[in-house]
Amino acid sequence: MKTTLMRLIGRLLIVSMLALPFQTVQAGMIGTDQVASSATAQAQRATLARTIDRPDVASQLQALGVDANAAKERVAAMTDAEVQSLANNLSTMPAGANSTAWGWAIVIALVIWAWYSYK
């Protein structure tokens, strides 16, 4: 009985080893620039989300027919390069009385419009 059970377990182990796929794992070093760029992209993403949460920007987006929640979802779905480009555009805009709010709303609305139209 014991040898029959051992043979059965041995055969099951052989079949499972042949049936299950083998996966290889590869480890590597991560450069400092990769970590820094990832942290920068996350900070810029948070800045854009805070910008969309502002009442004046949210009202302008609503006036343009864009839901603020949809805009935040689109910002979350953007690549790091797109987020960096949009954040750089926002940071270089002139600081005026109405131009800042309108400019941010227009830039964000244009990016969201472009994102929807080219998908």
N, C-alpha and C. Protein backbone atom coordinates (compact mmCIF):
# COMPACT_ATOMS: atom_id res chain seq x y z
N MET A 1 0.82 -1.19 0.00
CA MET A 1 0.00 0.00 0.00
C MET A 1 0.87 1.25 0.00
N LYS A 2 1.91 1.24 0.84
CA LYS A 2 2.78 2.40 0.96
C LYS A 2 3.55 2.63 -0.33
N THR A 3 4.03 1.60 -0.96
CA THR A 3 4.77 1.76 -2.20
C THR A 3 3.86 2.21 -3.34
N THR A 4 2.63 1.75 -3.36
CA THR A 4 1.68 2.17 -4.38
C THR A 4 1.37 3.66 -4.24
N LEU A 5 1.19 4.09 -3.00
CA LEU A 5 0.94 5.52 -2.75
C LEU A 5 2.15 6.36 -3.14
N MET A 6 3.34 5.90 -2.84
CA MET A 6 4.55 6.63 -3.20
C MET A 6 4.72 6.71 -4.71
N ARG A 7 4.42 5.62 -5.42
CA ARG A 7 4.49 5.63 -6.88
C ARG A 7 3.48 6.61 -7.46
N LEU A 8 2.26 6.64 -6.90
CA LEU A 8 1.23 7.55 -7.37
C LEU A 8 1.66 9.01 -7.16
N ILE A 9 2.20 9.30 -5.99
CA ILE A 9 2.66 10.67 -5.71
C ILE A 9 3.83 11.03 -6.62
N GLY A 10 4.73 10.09 -6.84
CA GLY A 10 5.86 10.34 -7.73
C GLY A 10 5.40 10.62 -9.15
N ARG A 11 4.44 9.86 -9.64
CA ARG A 11 3.91 10.08 -10.99
C ARG A 11 3.19 11.42 -11.09
N LEU A 12 2.43 11.77 -10.05
CA LEU A 12 1.75 13.08 -10.06
C LEU A 12 2.76 14.23 -10.07
N LEU A 13 3.83 14.08 -9.32
CA LEU A 13 4.86 15.12 -9.32
C LEU A 13 5.54 15.24 -10.68
N ILE A 14 5.81 14.10 -11.32
CA ILE A 14 6.43 14.14 -12.65
C ILE A 14 5.51 14.81 -13.65
N VAL A 15 4.23 14.46 -13.64
CA VAL A 15 3.26 15.06 -14.57
C VAL A 15 3.11 16.55 -14.30
N SER A 16 3.05 16.94 -13.03
CA SER A 16 2.89 18.36 -12.72
C SER A 16 4.14 19.15 -13.12
N MET A 17 5.32 18.59 -12.98
CA MET A 17 6.53 19.28 -13.40
C MET A 17 6.58 19.46 -14.91
N LEU A 18 6.07 18.50 -15.65
CA LEU A 18 6.06 18.61 -17.09
C LEU A 18 4.93 19.51 -17.59
N ALA A 19 3.82 19.53 -16.88
CA ALA A 19 2.65 20.29 -17.33
C ALA A 19 2.74 21.77 -16.96
N LEU A 20 3.36 22.08 -15.85
CA LEU A 20 3.42 23.47 -15.43
C LEU A 20 4.54 24.20 -16.16
N PRO A 21 4.27 25.41 -16.62
CA PRO A 21 5.31 26.15 -17.33
C PRO A 21 6.38 26.66 -16.36
N PHE A 22 7.57 26.73 -16.89
CA PHE A 22 8.67 27.27 -16.10
C PHE A 22 8.80 28.75 -16.42
N GLN A 23 8.97 29.54 -15.42
CA GLN A 23 9.14 30.98 -15.60
C GLN A 23 10.53 31.37 -15.12
N THR A 24 11.14 32.23 -15.90
CA THR A 24 12.44 32.73 -15.49
C THR A 24 12.28 34.14 -14.95
N VAL A 25 13.05 34.44 -13.96
CA VAL A 25 13.00 35.76 -13.35
C VAL A 25 14.36 36.40 -13.56
N GLN A 26 14.32 37.65 -13.97
CA GLN A 26 15.56 38.36 -14.22
C GLN A 26 15.58 39.62 -13.37
N ALA A 27 16.61 39.76 -12.59
CA ALA A 27 16.75 40.94 -11.74
C ALA A 27 17.81 41.85 -12.34
N GLY A 28 17.65 43.11 -12.11
CA GLY A 28 18.62 44.07 -12.61
C GLY A 28 18.64 45.31 -11.74
N MET A 29 19.64 46.09 -11.95
CA MET A 29 19.79 47.33 -11.19
C MET A 29 18.90 48.42 -11.81
N ILE A 30 18.34 49.24 -10.97
CA ILE A 30 17.53 50.37 -11.41
C ILE A 30 18.36 51.62 -11.21
N GLY A 31 18.47 52.40 -12.25
CA GLY A 31 19.26 53.62 -12.17
C GLY A 31 18.56 54.71 -11.38
N THR A 32 19.34 55.61 -10.87
CA THR A 32 18.79 56.72 -10.09
C THR A 32 17.91 57.61 -10.94
N ASP A 33 18.28 57.79 -12.20
CA ASP A 33 17.48 58.64 -13.08
C ASP A 33 16.09 58.06 -13.32
N GLN A 34 15.98 56.72 -13.37
CA GLN A 34 14.66 56.11 -13.54
C GLN A 34 13.79 56.34 -12.31
N VAL A 35 14.38 56.22 -11.14
CA VAL A 35 13.61 56.42 -9.91
C VAL A 35 13.21 57.88 -9.78
N ALA A 36 14.13 58.78 -10.10
CA ALA A 36 13.85 60.21 -9.99
C ALA A 36 12.78 60.64 -11.00
N SER A 37 12.85 60.12 -12.22
CA SER A 37 11.84 60.50 -13.22
C SER A 37 10.47 59.97 -12.84
N SER A 38 10.42 58.79 -12.24
CA SER A 38 9.15 58.24 -11.80
C SER A 38 8.55 59.09 -10.67
N ALA A 39 9.38 59.50 -9.73
CA ALA A 39 8.90 60.34 -8.63
C ALA A 39 8.45 61.70 -9.15
N THR A 40 9.18 62.25 -10.11
CA THR A 40 8.81 63.54 -10.70
C THR A 40 7.47 63.42 -11.43
N ALA A 41 7.30 62.34 -12.17
CA ALA A 41 6.04 62.15 -12.91
C ALA A 41 4.87 62.03 -11.94
N GLN A 42 5.04 61.33 -10.83
CA GLN A 42 3.97 61.20 -9.85
C GLN A 42 3.64 62.56 -9.22
N ALA A 43 4.67 63.36 -8.95
CA ALA A 43 4.43 64.69 -8.39
C ALA A 43 3.70 65.58 -9.39
N GLN A 44 4.09 65.49 -10.66
CA GLN A 44 3.41 66.29 -11.69
C GLN A 44 1.97 65.83 -11.88
N ARG A 45 1.74 64.53 -11.80
CA ARG A 45 0.38 64.00 -11.89
C ARG A 45 -0.50 64.54 -10.75
N ALA A 46 0.08 64.57 -9.56
CA ALA A 46 -0.66 65.10 -8.40
C ALA A 46 -0.94 66.58 -8.58
N THR A 47 0.02 67.32 -9.13
CA THR A 47 -0.19 68.75 -9.39
C THR A 47 -1.32 68.97 -10.38
N LEU A 48 -1.35 68.18 -11.43
CA LEU A 48 -2.43 68.30 -12.42
C LEU A 48 -3.78 67.93 -11.81
N ALA A 49 -3.81 66.92 -10.97
CA ALA A 49 -5.06 66.54 -10.32
C ALA A 49 -5.55 67.65 -9.39
N ARG A 50 -4.62 68.29 -8.67
CA ARG A 50 -5.01 69.41 -7.81
C ARG A 50 -5.50 70.59 -8.64
N THR A 51 -4.90 70.78 -9.81
CA THR A 51 -5.35 71.86 -10.69
C THR A 51 -6.77 71.61 -11.18
N ILE A 52 -7.07 70.38 -11.53
CA ILE A 52 -8.42 70.05 -11.98
C ILE A 52 -9.42 70.20 -10.84
N ASP A 53 -8.99 69.94 -9.60
CA ASP A 53 -9.88 70.06 -8.44
C ASP A 53 -10.21 71.51 -8.09
N ARG A 54 -9.42 72.44 -8.59
CA ARG A 54 -9.69 73.85 -8.26
C ARG A 54 -11.07 74.24 -8.79
N PRO A 55 -11.82 75.02 -8.01
CA PRO A 55 -13.19 75.36 -8.43
C PRO A 55 -13.26 76.13 -9.75
N ASP A 56 -12.33 77.05 -9.97
CA ASP A 56 -12.39 77.84 -11.20
C ASP A 56 -12.08 76.97 -12.43
N VAL A 57 -11.13 76.08 -12.32
CA VAL A 57 -10.80 75.19 -13.43
C VAL A 57 -11.94 74.19 -13.66
N ALA A 58 -12.49 73.65 -12.58
CA ALA A 58 -13.60 72.70 -12.71
C ALA A 58 -14.81 73.36 -13.37
N SER A 59 -15.08 74.62 -13.01
CA SER A 59 -16.23 75.30 -13.63
C SER A 59 -15.97 75.58 -15.11
N GLN A 60 -14.72 75.90 -15.46
CA GLN A 60 -14.41 76.11 -16.87
C GLN A 60 -14.49 74.81 -17.67
N LEU A 61 -14.03 73.73 -17.07
CA LEU A 61 -14.15 72.45 -17.75
C LEU A 61 -15.62 72.07 -17.94
N GLN A 62 -16.42 72.34 -16.92
CA GLN A 62 -17.85 72.06 -17.02
C GLN A 62 -18.48 72.92 -18.11
N ALA A 63 -18.05 74.18 -18.21
CA ALA A 63 -18.59 75.06 -19.25
C ALA A 63 -18.19 74.57 -20.64
N LEU A 64 -17.03 73.93 -20.73
CA LEU A 64 -16.59 73.40 -22.02
C LEU A 64 -17.15 72.00 -22.30
N GLY A 65 -17.92 71.46 -21.36
CA GLY A 65 -18.55 70.17 -21.56
C GLY A 65 -17.71 68.98 -21.14
N VAL A 66 -16.71 69.22 -20.30
CA VAL A 66 -15.84 68.14 -19.84
C VAL A 66 -16.08 67.94 -18.35
N ASP A 67 -16.36 66.71 -17.96
CA ASP A 67 -16.54 66.39 -16.56
C ASP A 67 -15.19 66.36 -15.86
N ALA A 68 -15.11 66.94 -14.67
CA ALA A 68 -13.84 67.01 -13.94
C ALA A 68 -13.34 65.62 -13.57
N ASN A 69 -14.23 64.71 -13.24
CA ASN A 69 -13.80 63.34 -12.91
C ASN A 69 -13.22 62.63 -14.14
N ALA A 70 -13.82 62.87 -15.29
CA ALA A 70 -13.29 62.28 -16.52
C ALA A 70 -11.92 62.86 -16.84
N ALA A 71 -11.76 64.15 -16.57
CA ALA A 71 -10.46 64.78 -16.80
C ALA A 71 -9.39 64.19 -15.89
N LYS A 72 -9.75 63.95 -14.63
CA LYS A 72 -8.78 63.34 -13.71
C LYS A 72 -8.43 61.91 -14.13
N GLU A 73 -9.42 61.18 -14.62
CA GLU A 73 -9.15 59.82 -15.10
C GLU A 73 -8.22 59.85 -16.31
N ARG A 74 -8.40 60.82 -17.17
CA ARG A 74 -7.55 60.94 -18.35
C ARG A 74 -6.13 61.32 -17.97
N VAL A 75 -5.99 62.19 -16.99
CA VAL A 75 -4.66 62.56 -16.52
C VAL A 75 -3.98 61.34 -15.91
N ALA A 76 -4.73 60.52 -15.20
CA ALA A 76 -4.16 59.31 -14.60
C ALA A 76 -3.74 58.31 -15.68
N ALA A 77 -4.40 58.33 -16.83
CA ALA A 77 -4.10 57.39 -17.90
C ALA A 77 -2.99 57.87 -18.84
N MET A 78 -2.56 59.11 -18.69
CA MET A 78 -1.53 59.66 -19.57
C MET A 78 -0.17 59.04 -19.27
N THR A 79 0.69 59.02 -20.28
CA THR A 79 2.05 58.54 -20.07
C THR A 79 2.84 59.60 -19.31
N ASP A 80 4.01 59.21 -18.81
CA ASP A 80 4.84 60.14 -18.06
C ASP A 80 5.29 61.31 -18.92
N ALA A 81 5.58 61.05 -20.19
CA ALA A 81 6.00 62.12 -21.10
C ALA A 81 4.87 63.12 -21.33
N GLU A 82 3.65 62.63 -21.49
CA GLU A 82 2.51 63.53 -21.69
C GLU A 82 2.25 64.37 -20.44
N VAL A 83 2.37 63.75 -19.28
CA VAL A 83 2.17 64.48 -18.02
C VAL A 83 3.24 65.55 -17.88
N GLN A 84 4.48 65.22 -18.20
CA GLN A 84 5.56 66.18 -18.09
C GLN A 84 5.35 67.35 -19.04
N SER A 85 4.93 67.07 -20.26
CA SER A 85 4.67 68.13 -21.24
C SER A 85 3.55 69.06 -20.77
N LEU A 86 2.46 68.47 -20.28
CA LEU A 86 1.33 69.28 -19.81
C LEU A 86 1.71 70.09 -18.57
N ALA A 87 2.45 69.48 -17.66
CA ALA A 87 2.87 70.19 -16.45
C ALA A 87 3.82 71.33 -16.79
N ASN A 88 4.70 71.11 -17.76
CA ASN A 88 5.61 72.18 -18.19
C ASN A 88 4.84 73.32 -18.84
N ASN A 89 3.81 72.98 -19.64
CA ASN A 89 2.98 74.03 -20.25
C ASN A 89 2.26 74.85 -19.18
N LEU A 90 1.77 74.17 -18.15
CA LEU A 90 1.07 74.89 -17.10
C LEU A 90 2.01 75.77 -16.29
N SER A 91 3.23 75.30 -16.07
CA SER A 91 4.15 76.08 -15.25
C SER A 91 4.74 77.26 -16.00
N THR A 92 4.73 77.25 -17.33
CA THR A 92 5.29 78.37 -18.09
C THR A 92 4.24 79.38 -18.53
N MET A 93 2.99 79.15 -18.21
CA MET A 93 1.94 80.10 -18.60
C MET A 93 2.06 81.37 -17.80
N PRO A 94 1.70 82.50 -18.40
CA PRO A 94 1.80 83.76 -17.66
C PRO A 94 0.80 83.83 -16.51
N ALA A 95 1.22 84.49 -15.46
CA ALA A 95 0.36 84.62 -14.28
C ALA A 95 -0.37 85.94 -14.38
N GLY A 96 -1.59 85.91 -14.86
CA GLY A 96 -2.40 87.10 -14.98
C GLY A 96 -3.68 86.93 -14.20
N ALA A 97 -4.53 87.94 -14.22
CA ALA A 97 -5.75 87.90 -13.43
C ALA A 97 -6.67 86.78 -13.91
N ASN A 98 -7.06 86.81 -15.17
CA ASN A 98 -7.95 85.79 -15.70
C ASN A 98 -7.23 84.81 -16.62
N SER A 99 -6.08 85.18 -17.11
CA SER A 99 -5.43 84.34 -18.10
C SER A 99 -5.00 83.00 -17.52
N THR A 100 -4.65 82.96 -16.25
CA THR A 100 -4.18 81.71 -15.66
C THR A 100 -5.29 80.68 -15.60
N ALA A 101 -6.43 81.07 -15.08
CA ALA A 101 -7.54 80.12 -14.95
C ALA A 101 -8.03 79.69 -16.33
N TRP A 102 -8.20 80.66 -17.22
CA TRP A 102 -8.65 80.32 -18.56
C TRP A 102 -7.61 79.48 -19.29
N GLY A 103 -6.37 79.85 -19.14
CA GLY A 103 -5.31 79.12 -19.83
C GLY A 103 -5.23 77.68 -19.37
N TRP A 104 -5.27 77.46 -18.07
CA TRP A 104 -5.21 76.10 -17.55
C TRP A 104 -6.41 75.29 -18.01
N ALA A 105 -7.56 75.90 -17.94
CA ALA A 105 -8.76 75.17 -18.35
C ALA A 105 -8.71 74.83 -19.83
N ILE A 106 -8.24 75.77 -20.63
CA ILE A 106 -8.17 75.53 -22.08
C ILE A 106 -7.13 74.47 -22.40
N VAL A 107 -5.96 74.55 -21.76
CA VAL A 107 -4.92 73.55 -22.02
C VAL A 107 -5.39 72.16 -21.61
N ILE A 108 -5.98 72.06 -20.45
CA ILE A 108 -6.45 70.75 -19.98
C ILE A 108 -7.58 70.25 -20.88
N ALA A 109 -8.49 71.14 -21.27
CA ALA A 109 -9.58 70.73 -22.15
C ALA A 109 -9.05 70.29 -23.51
N LEU A 110 -8.03 70.99 -24.04
CA LEU A 110 -7.46 70.60 -25.32
C LEU A 110 -6.76 69.25 -25.24
N VAL A 111 -6.06 69.02 -24.16
CA VAL A 111 -5.39 67.73 -24.00
C VAL A 111 -6.41 66.61 -23.90
N ILE A 112 -7.46 66.83 -23.14
CA ILE A 112 -8.50 65.81 -23.00
C ILE A 112 -9.22 65.59 -24.33
N TRP A 113 -9.50 66.68 -25.04
CA TRP A 113 -10.13 66.55 -26.35
C TRP A 113 -9.24 65.77 -27.30
N ALA A 114 -7.94 66.08 -27.30
CA ALA A 114 -7.01 65.37 -28.18
C ALA A 114 -6.92 63.90 -27.78
N TRP A 115 -6.96 63.63 -26.50
CA TRP A 115 -6.87 62.25 -26.03
C TRP A 115 -8.08 61.45 -26.51
N TYR A 116 -9.28 62.03 -26.40
CA TYR A 116 -10.48 61.33 -26.84
C TYR A 116 -10.54 61.20 -28.36
N SER A 117 -10.11 62.20 -29.09
CA SER A 117 -10.28 62.17 -30.54
C SER A 117 -9.28 61.25 -31.23
N TYR A 118 -8.13 61.00 -30.63
CA TYR A 118 -7.12 60.17 -31.29
C TYR A 118 -7.09 58.75 -30.75
N LYS A 119 -8.01 58.36 -29.94
CA LYS A 119 -8.04 56.99 -29.41
C LYS A 119 -8.74 56.07 -30.35
